[in-house]
């Protein structure tokens, strides 16, 4: 596609440049030829009484070769002599009028007349011959008009077209030569990217398992809540980076518990107020852990907001409503649902109806109503699927979502 785009841009440009160069070469040839012919004419004689005779001889020698019309003017712009071929006579009346030439250097006009005939008109100043170093004075002007033949003009266009085709072919051949290299490098790059991403996910799993072991858990909870959160987010339309951040954040939501003392984290009884306040610091410690780790930065939304509540009664910042990141609102539903429906050392799992009753009761206070609306239609499916899964089964469920949303 890049090669074709290059052809589409470079070929017309090459055609235009080649055509302009060909026309410029023709003009330069006409100017140089006129100068060469005029060297045989003693220009200073224009100042003498027989100037018209000298001028007439000059234009008669010039016409019929390179020029179809040849005129010589004195320094005041008065025409001294004119000669033209039959072709020149045919186009003389069509030429635009001009005043006295003013340039001290040769100049030209490129004209397109009726019938698309290409006309070149050159103006060459005639200089007084002098042996001194001072600039020579202008004694008159030569005007030559050339009708460029159709075949010559067509040849220029054909040459320009050939140049354009050569540029286009070179672009395609270059693309064909580079394509296998680009494909190979792209494949290697994708493979390396997959390996890096796979290592990131493996590290995420290792951190999750470390958290679970620290909290005397099997680790299945992390797989389950991340999977449930992904299912809800899919119904809400999350994808790409937002979905990846949600999965990572859900899996590592309690990573800050690594910094909580065992005496508090593993205490079998109820925590006192001071211990409870210490336990709450796991949110801030979790933020500190994931912040600054490039691929985990997105996880901070869930890590920092998974204990916030829709009505603002949560912690640590008492955020409310849409002030809570969407990923944290999605995770809140997934987390509580899994906690209610899972077997724990201190309780038996709830049935679906009882769990949904609690969720519905807290919708609008703890949970975002919109998130609950997305979860309701899949609650039965999620419950049936997880009720049959052990930790390895939950891991496989999450792996499917990870490979889908992380492009592995």
Protein backbone atom coordinates (compact mmCIF):
# COMPACT_ATOMS: atom_id res chain seq x y z
CA UNK A 1 0.00 0.00 0.00
CA UNK A 2 2.86 2.37 0.79
CA UNK A 3 4.48 1.55 -2.55
CA UNK A 4 1.23 2.20 -4.42
CA UNK A 5 0.81 5.48 -2.57
CA UNK A 6 4.38 6.40 -3.48
CA UNK A 7 3.67 5.58 -7.13
CA UNK A 8 0.52 7.73 -7.05
CA UNK A 9 2.49 10.70 -5.70
CA UNK A 10 5.94 10.29 -7.28
CA UNK A 11 4.95 9.35 -10.83
CA UNK A 12 2.86 12.48 -11.58
CA UNK A 13 5.55 14.58 -9.92
CA UNK A 14 8.25 12.95 -12.06
CA UNK A 15 6.14 13.52 -15.18
CA UNK A 16 5.70 17.20 -14.35
CA UNK A 17 9.38 17.77 -13.52
CA UNK A 18 10.55 15.93 -16.65
CA UNK A 19 8.18 17.94 -18.85
CA UNK A 20 9.28 21.23 -17.29
CA UNK A 21 12.95 20.29 -17.69
CA UNK A 22 12.41 19.41 -21.37
CA UNK A 23 10.67 22.72 -22.04
CA UNK A 24 13.39 24.59 -20.16
CA UNK A 25 16.08 22.84 -22.21
CA UNK A 26 14.33 23.88 -25.42
CA UNK A 27 14.18 27.48 -24.26
CA UNK A 28 17.85 27.52 -23.26
CA UNK A 29 18.77 26.05 -26.64
CA UNK A 30 16.83 28.81 -28.40
CA UNK A 31 18.50 31.54 -26.34
CA UNK A 32 21.97 30.11 -26.86
CA UNK A 33 21.41 29.60 -30.59
CA UNK A 34 20.20 33.17 -31.01
CA UNK A 35 23.32 34.45 -29.28
CA UNK A 36 25.56 32.29 -31.46
CA UNK A 37 23.96 33.57 -34.65
CA UNK A 38 24.09 37.17 -33.51
CA UNK A 39 27.83 36.95 -32.90
CA UNK A 40 28.18 37.06 -36.70
CA UNK A 41 26.43 40.41 -36.69
CA UNK A 42 28.33 43.56 -35.71
CA UNK A 43 25.82 44.88 -33.13
CA UNK A 44 27.51 48.27 -32.85
CA UNK A 45 26.50 49.02 -36.39
CA UNK A 46 22.99 49.72 -35.04
CA UNK A 47 24.31 53.15 -34.11
CA UNK A 48 25.16 54.00 -37.76
CA UNK A 49 23.01 55.14 -40.68
CA UNK A 50 23.06 51.72 -42.35
CA UNK A 51 21.72 50.03 -39.17
CA UNK A 52 18.54 48.87 -40.91
CA UNK A 53 20.57 47.18 -43.65
CA UNK A 54 22.71 45.34 -41.12
CA UNK A 55 19.63 44.37 -39.13
CA UNK A 56 17.84 43.05 -42.23
CA UNK A 57 20.78 40.84 -43.13
CA UNK A 58 20.89 39.47 -39.63
CA UNK A 59 17.20 38.50 -39.36
CA UNK A 60 17.23 36.95 -42.83
CA UNK A 61 20.09 34.69 -41.78
CA UNK A 62 18.34 33.71 -38.57
CA UNK A 63 14.81 32.89 -39.78
CA UNK A 64 14.04 29.53 -41.27
CA UNK A 65 16.33 27.67 -38.91
CA UNK A 66 15.60 27.78 -35.21
CA UNK A 67 13.21 30.75 -35.39
CA UNK A 68 10.06 31.35 -37.43
CA UNK A 69 10.02 35.08 -36.67
CA UNK A 70 13.09 37.27 -36.08
CA UNK A 71 12.94 40.97 -35.17
CA UNK A 72 15.65 43.48 -34.27
CA UNK A 73 14.89 46.71 -32.39
CA UNK A 74 17.10 49.67 -31.60
CA UNK A 75 17.71 50.79 -28.03
CA UNK A 76 14.54 52.90 -28.08
CA UNK A 77 12.36 49.94 -29.04
CA UNK A 78 11.90 50.93 -32.71
CA UNK A 79 11.76 47.91 -35.00
CA UNK A 80 14.65 48.03 -37.49
CA UNK A 81 14.07 44.74 -39.32
CA UNK A 82 11.75 41.73 -39.37
CA UNK A 83 11.80 38.41 -41.13
CA UNK A 84 9.47 35.42 -40.82
CA UNK A 85 8.68 32.07 -42.34
CA UNK A 86 5.24 30.96 -43.53
CA UNK A 87 4.71 29.39 -40.12
CA UNK A 88 5.64 32.66 -38.49
CA UNK A 89 3.16 34.57 -40.64
CA UNK A 90 0.39 32.21 -39.53
CA UNK A 91 0.89 32.99 -35.87
CA UNK A 92 2.13 36.60 -35.93
CA UNK A 93 -1.32 38.10 -35.42
CA UNK A 94 -1.99 35.79 -32.46
CA UNK A 95 1.05 36.85 -30.47
CA UNK A 96 0.37 39.16 -27.51
CA UNK A 97 1.80 42.64 -27.87
CA UNK A 98 4.74 43.71 -25.77
CA UNK A 99 6.41 46.98 -24.97
CA UNK A 100 10.07 47.78 -25.10
CA UNK A 101 12.18 45.00 -23.50
CA UNK A 102 13.75 46.24 -20.27
CA UNK A 103 15.99 43.35 -19.24
CA UNK A 104 19.77 43.50 -19.48
CA UNK A 105 19.80 39.70 -19.63
CA UNK A 106 18.18 37.31 -22.06
CA UNK A 107 14.58 36.37 -21.19
CA UNK A 108 11.78 34.33 -22.71
CA UNK A 109 8.04 33.72 -22.79
CA UNK A 110 6.39 30.33 -23.14
CA UNK A 111 2.99 30.74 -24.81
CA UNK A 112 0.14 28.40 -25.69
CA UNK A 113 -1.87 29.73 -28.64
CA UNK A 114 -5.13 28.53 -30.18
CA UNK A 115 -5.02 24.88 -31.13
CA UNK A 116 -2.66 24.22 -28.21
CA UNK A 117 0.35 25.33 -30.29
CA UNK A 118 3.40 25.91 -28.14
CA UNK A 119 5.27 29.13 -28.90
CA UNK A 120 8.63 30.29 -27.51
CA UNK A 121 9.50 33.97 -27.67
CA UNK A 122 13.02 34.97 -26.61
CA UNK A 123 14.45 38.45 -26.04
CA UNK A 124 18.21 38.92 -26.27
CA UNK A 125 19.81 42.33 -25.59
CA UNK A 126 22.44 43.42 -28.17
CA UNK A 127 25.48 44.87 -26.43
CA UNK A 128 28.00 47.38 -27.69
CA UNK A 129 31.41 45.91 -28.27
CA UNK A 130 34.02 47.40 -25.92
CA UNK A 131 37.50 46.49 -24.74
CA UNK A 132 37.20 48.34 -21.42
CA UNK A 133 36.13 46.74 -18.12
CA UNK A 134 33.02 48.91 -17.92
CA UNK A 135 29.65 47.25 -18.60
CA UNK A 136 28.76 47.30 -22.29
CA UNK A 137 25.88 49.55 -23.31
CA UNK A 138 22.74 48.08 -24.89
CA UNK A 139 22.42 49.09 -28.53
CA UNK A 140 19.28 47.13 -29.35
CA UNK A 141 17.24 43.96 -28.86
CA UNK A 142 16.66 40.76 -30.72
CA UNK A 143 13.26 39.02 -30.57
CA UNK A 144 12.96 35.50 -31.87
CA UNK A 145 9.75 33.46 -32.05
CA UNK A 146 9.83 29.70 -32.48
CA UNK A 147 6.82 27.51 -33.17
CA UNK A 148 7.62 24.23 -31.45
CA UNK A 149 6.47 21.45 -33.76
CA UNK A 150 3.79 19.04 -32.62
CA UNK A 151 6.09 16.05 -32.95
CA UNK A 152 8.72 17.71 -30.78
CA UNK A 153 6.16 18.67 -28.17
CA UNK A 154 4.74 15.13 -28.24
CA UNK A 155 8.25 13.74 -27.85
CA UNK A 156 8.70 15.83 -24.72
CA UNK A 157 5.45 14.49 -23.30
CA UNK A 158 6.43 10.92 -24.21
CA UNK A 159 9.82 11.33 -22.52
CA UNK A 160 8.13 12.76 -19.44
CA UNK A 161 5.72 9.82 -19.42
CA UNK A 162 8.64 7.40 -19.69
CA UNK A 163 10.30 9.07 -16.71
CA UNK A 164 7.07 8.81 -14.72
CA UNK A 165 6.71 5.12 -15.59
CA UNK A 166 10.31 4.46 -14.60
CA UNK A 167 9.77 6.17 -11.23
CA UNK A 168 6.57 4.19 -10.69
CA UNK A 169 8.26 0.92 -11.61
CA UNK A 170 11.20 1.72 -9.33
CA UNK A 171 8.79 2.41 -6.47
CA UNK A 172 7.00 -0.91 -6.99
CA UNK A 173 10.26 -2.85 -7.29
CA UNK A 174 11.58 -1.15 -4.15
CA UNK A 175 8.39 -2.07 -2.32
CA UNK A 176 8.59 -5.66 -3.57
CA UNK A 177 12.20 -5.92 -2.42
CA UNK A 178 11.53 -4.42 1.00
CA UNK A 179 8.23 -6.21 1.66
CA UNK A 180 9.70 -9.58 2.80
CA UNK A 181 12.08 -7.75 5.13
CA UNK A 182 9.24 -5.66 6.59
CA UNK A 183 7.08 -8.76 7.05
CA UNK A 184 9.88 -10.61 8.81
CA UNK A 185 10.72 -7.68 11.08
CA UNK A 186 7.03 -7.13 11.82
CA UNK A 187 6.61 -10.79 12.71
CA UNK A 188 9.65 -10.70 14.98
CA UNK A 189 8.39 -7.50 16.59
CA UNK A 190 4.96 -9.03 17.22
CA UNK A 191 6.61 -12.13 18.69
CA UNK A 192 8.75 -10.01 21.02
CA UNK A 193 5.72 -7.93 22.00
CA UNK A 194 3.77 -11.11 22.81
CA UNK A 195 6.67 -12.40 24.87
CA UNK A 196 6.92 -9.14 26.83
CA UNK A 197 3.17 -9.05 27.37
CA UNK A 198 3.14 -12.70 28.39
CA UNK A 199 5.88 -11.99 30.93
CA UNK A 200 3.87 -9.04 32.27
CA UNK A 201 0.81 -11.23 32.73
CA UNK A 202 2.92 -13.95 34.36
CA UNK A 203 4.29 -11.32 36.74
CA UNK A 204 0.74 -10.15 37.45
CA UNK A 205 -0.29 -13.70 38.27
CA UNK A 206 2.74 -14.16 40.51
CA UNK A 207 1.91 -10.99 42.42
CA UNK A 208 -1.71 -12.11 42.73
CA UNK A 209 -0.72 -15.49 44.10
CA UNK A 210 1.69 -13.83 46.53
CA UNK A 211 -1.13 -11.63 47.81
CA UNK A 212 -3.43 -14.63 48.15
CA UNK A 213 -0.86 -16.64 50.08
CA UNK A 214 -0.21 -13.66 52.31
CA UNK A 215 -3.95 -13.52 53.05
CA UNK A 216 -4.27 -17.32 53.51
CA UNK A 217 -6.35 -17.58 50.33
CA UNK A 218 -6.08 -20.03 47.45
CA UNK A 219 -5.89 -17.25 44.86
CA UNK A 220 -9.00 -18.40 43.00
CA UNK A 221 -10.78 -15.23 44.15
CA UNK A 222 -8.44 -13.07 42.07
CA UNK A 223 -9.11 -15.11 38.92
CA UNK A 224 -12.85 -15.12 39.50
CA UNK A 225 -13.31 -11.41 40.19
CA UNK A 226 -11.11 -10.43 37.25
CA UNK A 227 -13.17 -12.70 34.96
CA UNK A 228 -16.52 -11.43 36.29
CA UNK A 229 -15.37 -7.81 35.95
CA UNK A 230 -14.27 -8.46 32.36
CA UNK A 231 -17.65 -9.99 31.50
CA UNK A 232 -19.53 -6.98 32.92
CA UNK A 233 -17.16 -4.52 31.19
CA UNK A 234 -17.72 -6.24 27.85
CA UNK A 235 -21.42 -5.51 28.15
CA UNK A 236 -20.58 -1.89 28.94
CA UNK A 237 -18.45 -1.63 25.81
CA UNK A 238 -15.00 -1.38 27.40
CA UNK A 239 -12.11 -2.51 25.21
CA UNK A 240 -8.45 -1.96 24.52
CA UNK A 241 -6.41 -0.21 27.20
CA UNK A 242 -9.45 0.36 29.45
CA UNK A 243 -10.25 -3.36 29.51
CA UNK A 244 -6.62 -4.34 30.09
CA UNK A 245 -6.37 -1.92 33.02
CA UNK A 246 -9.58 -3.30 34.53
CA UNK A 247 -8.35 -6.91 34.35
CA UNK A 248 -4.95 -6.06 35.84
CA UNK A 249 -6.50 -3.90 38.55
CA UNK A 250 -9.10 -6.54 39.44
CA UNK A 251 -6.44 -9.21 39.73
CA UNK A 252 -4.22 -7.03 41.92
CA UNK A 253 -6.90 -5.11 43.84
CA UNK A 254 -5.58 -6.18 47.25
CA UNK A 255 -1.86 -5.91 46.43
CA UNK A 256 -1.46 -3.38 49.26
CA UNK A 257 -2.17 -6.10 51.83
CA UNK A 258 1.45 -7.17 51.38
CA UNK A 259 2.32 -4.25 53.66
CA UNK A 260 -0.20 -5.08 56.41
CA UNK A 261 1.31 -6.76 59.54
CA UNK A 262 0.44 -10.45 60.00
CA UNK A 263 -1.03 -9.76 63.43
CA UNK A 264 -3.74 -7.68 61.78
CA UNK A 265 -4.06 -9.34 58.38
CA UNK A 266 -4.35 -12.86 59.83
CA UNK A 267 -6.18 -12.01 63.05
CA UNK A 268 -9.05 -14.53 63.46
CA UNK A 269 -11.29 -12.25 65.46
CA UNK A 270 -12.81 -8.84 64.86
CA UNK A 271 -10.42 -5.92 64.38
CA UNK A 272 -10.50 -2.99 66.79
CA UNK A 273 -10.73 0.59 65.53
CA UNK A 274 -6.98 1.12 65.36
CA UNK A 275 -6.42 -2.20 63.63
CA UNK A 276 -9.25 -1.46 61.24
CA UNK A 277 -7.65 1.87 60.34
CA UNK A 278 -4.35 0.09 59.72
CA UNK A 279 -6.11 -2.43 57.47
CA UNK A 280 -7.58 0.41 55.43
CA UNK A 281 -4.08 1.63 54.60
CA UNK A 282 -3.72 -1.30 52.20
CA UNK A 283 -5.42 0.88 49.57
CA UNK A 284 -2.75 3.59 49.77
CA UNK A 285 0.02 1.01 49.92
CA UNK A 286 -1.43 -0.67 46.84
CA UNK A 287 -1.44 2.63 44.97
CA UNK A 288 2.21 3.17 45.86
CA UNK A 289 3.11 -0.29 44.54
CA UNK A 290 1.42 -0.10 41.13
CA UNK A 291 2.08 3.59 40.41
CA UNK A 292 5.11 4.14 38.20
CA UNK A 293 5.21 0.59 36.85
CA UNK A 294 4.32 1.45 33.23
CA UNK A 295 2.09 -1.49 32.32
CA UNK A 296 0.44 -1.47 35.78
CA UNK A 297 -0.37 2.25 35.89
CA UNK A 298 -3.88 1.58 34.60
CA UNK A 299 -4.53 -0.83 37.47
CA UNK A 300 -4.41 2.07 39.91
CA UNK A 301 -8.07 2.97 39.22
CA UNK A 302 -9.30 -0.31 40.72
CA UNK A 303 -6.61 -0.56 43.39
CA UNK A 304 -7.38 2.93 44.72
CA UNK A 305 -11.16 2.85 44.29
CA UNK A 306 -12.34 -0.70 45.01
CA UNK A 307 -13.63 0.27 48.48
CA UNK A 308 -15.44 3.43 47.35
CA UNK A 309 -19.26 3.35 47.29
CA UNK A 310 -21.79 4.94 44.97
CA UNK A 311 -23.28 7.08 47.78
CA UNK A 312 -19.88 8.34 48.97
CA UNK A 313 -19.73 6.29 52.19
CA UNK A 314 -16.69 4.27 51.12
CA UNK A 315 -12.98 4.90 51.67
CA UNK A 316 -10.30 6.24 51.42
CA UNK A 317 -11.51 9.35 49.57
CA UNK A 318 -15.29 9.10 49.99
CA UNK A 319 -15.81 9.41 46.24
CA UNK A 320 -19.37 9.13 44.97
CA UNK A 321 -21.32 8.53 41.77
CA UNK A 322 -19.38 8.94 38.55
CA UNK A 323 -16.54 10.47 40.52
CA UNK A 324 -15.53 6.86 41.15
CA UNK A 325 -13.59 5.42 38.16
CA UNK A 326 -15.79 3.15 36.04
CA UNK A 327 -13.33 0.26 36.45
CA UNK A 328 -13.68 0.50 40.25
CA UNK A 329 -17.49 0.58 40.00
CA UNK A 330 -17.47 -2.53 37.81
CA UNK A 331 -15.08 -4.29 40.16
CA UNK A 332 -17.23 -3.51 43.22
CA UNK A 333 -20.12 -5.56 41.81
CA UNK A 334 -17.82 -8.42 40.76
CA UNK A 335 -16.03 -8.49 44.12
CA UNK A 336 -19.13 -8.58 46.31
CA UNK A 337 -20.90 -11.10 44.06
CA UNK A 338 -17.93 -13.49 44.22
CA UNK A 339 -17.58 -13.02 47.99
CA UNK A 340 -21.25 -13.90 48.49
CA UNK A 341 -21.27 -16.90 46.15
CA UNK A 342 -17.91 -18.44 47.18
CA UNK A 343 -17.20 -20.88 49.98
CA UNK A 344 -14.98 -19.43 52.68
CA UNK A 345 -13.60 -21.02 55.89
CA UNK A 346 -16.13 -19.04 57.89
CA UNK A 347 -19.22 -19.45 55.61
CA UNK A 348 -20.95 -21.52 52.98
CA UNK A 349 -21.64 -20.08 49.50
CA UNK A 350 -24.97 -18.28 48.93
CA UNK A 351 -27.36 -19.32 46.21
CA UNK A 352 -27.85 -16.95 43.29
CA UNK A 353 -31.20 -15.56 44.46
CA UNK A 354 -29.87 -14.63 47.91
CA UNK A 355 -26.73 -13.03 46.46
CA UNK A 356 -28.70 -11.01 43.90
CA UNK A 357 -31.12 -9.88 46.61
CA UNK A 358 -28.22 -8.34 48.54
CA UNK A 359 -26.80 -6.72 45.41
CA UNK A 360 -30.18 -5.26 44.46
CA UNK A 361 -30.71 -3.96 47.97
CA UNK A 362 -27.42 -2.06 47.79
CA UNK A 363 -27.85 -0.76 44.25
CA UNK A 364 -27.79 3.03 44.41
CA UNK A 365 -25.94 3.05 47.72
CA UNK A 366 -22.95 0.74 47.24
CA UNK A 367 -23.28 -0.14 43.56
CA UNK A 368 -23.65 1.86 40.35
CA UNK A 369 -27.16 1.21 38.94
CA UNK A 370 -25.81 1.20 35.38
CA UNK A 371 -23.24 -1.45 36.21
CA UNK A 372 -25.92 -3.56 37.90
CA UNK A 373 -28.10 -3.21 34.81
CA UNK A 374 -25.27 -4.69 32.74
CA UNK A 375 -24.68 -7.51 35.24
CA UNK A 376 -28.26 -8.74 35.76
CA UNK A 377 -28.67 -10.46 32.35
CA UNK A 378 -25.48 -12.50 32.79
CA UNK A 379 -25.69 -13.19 36.54
CA UNK A 380 -27.17 -16.69 36.10
CA UNK A 381 -24.57 -17.64 33.48
CA UNK A 382 -21.72 -16.32 35.63
CA UNK A 383 -23.02 -18.13 38.72
CA UNK A 384 -23.44 -21.47 36.90
CA UNK A 385 -19.99 -21.21 35.33
CA UNK A 386 -18.11 -20.38 38.52
CA UNK A 387 -19.99 -22.87 40.68
CA UNK A 388 -18.34 -25.66 38.68
CA UNK A 389 -14.80 -24.19 38.71
CA UNK A 390 -11.87 -24.75 41.01
CA UNK A 391 -8.86 -22.44 40.98
CA UNK A 392 -7.43 -23.98 37.80
CA UNK A 393 -10.79 -23.70 36.06
CA UNK A 394 -11.12 -20.04 37.07
CA UNK A 395 -7.61 -19.45 35.79
CA UNK A 396 -8.51 -20.93 32.41
CA UNK A 397 -11.64 -18.78 32.20
CA UNK A 398 -9.61 -15.64 32.83
CA UNK A 399 -6.90 -16.74 30.40
CA UNK A 400 -9.42 -16.74 27.56
CA UNK A 401 -10.38 -13.13 28.35
CA UNK A 402 -6.76 -12.09 28.78
CA UNK A 403 -5.71 -13.50 25.40
CA UNK A 404 -8.71 -11.85 23.77
CA UNK A 405 -8.24 -8.39 25.24
CA UNK A 406 -4.44 -8.33 25.43
CA UNK A 407 -3.98 -9.62 21.86
CA UNK A 408 -1.87 -12.62 22.82
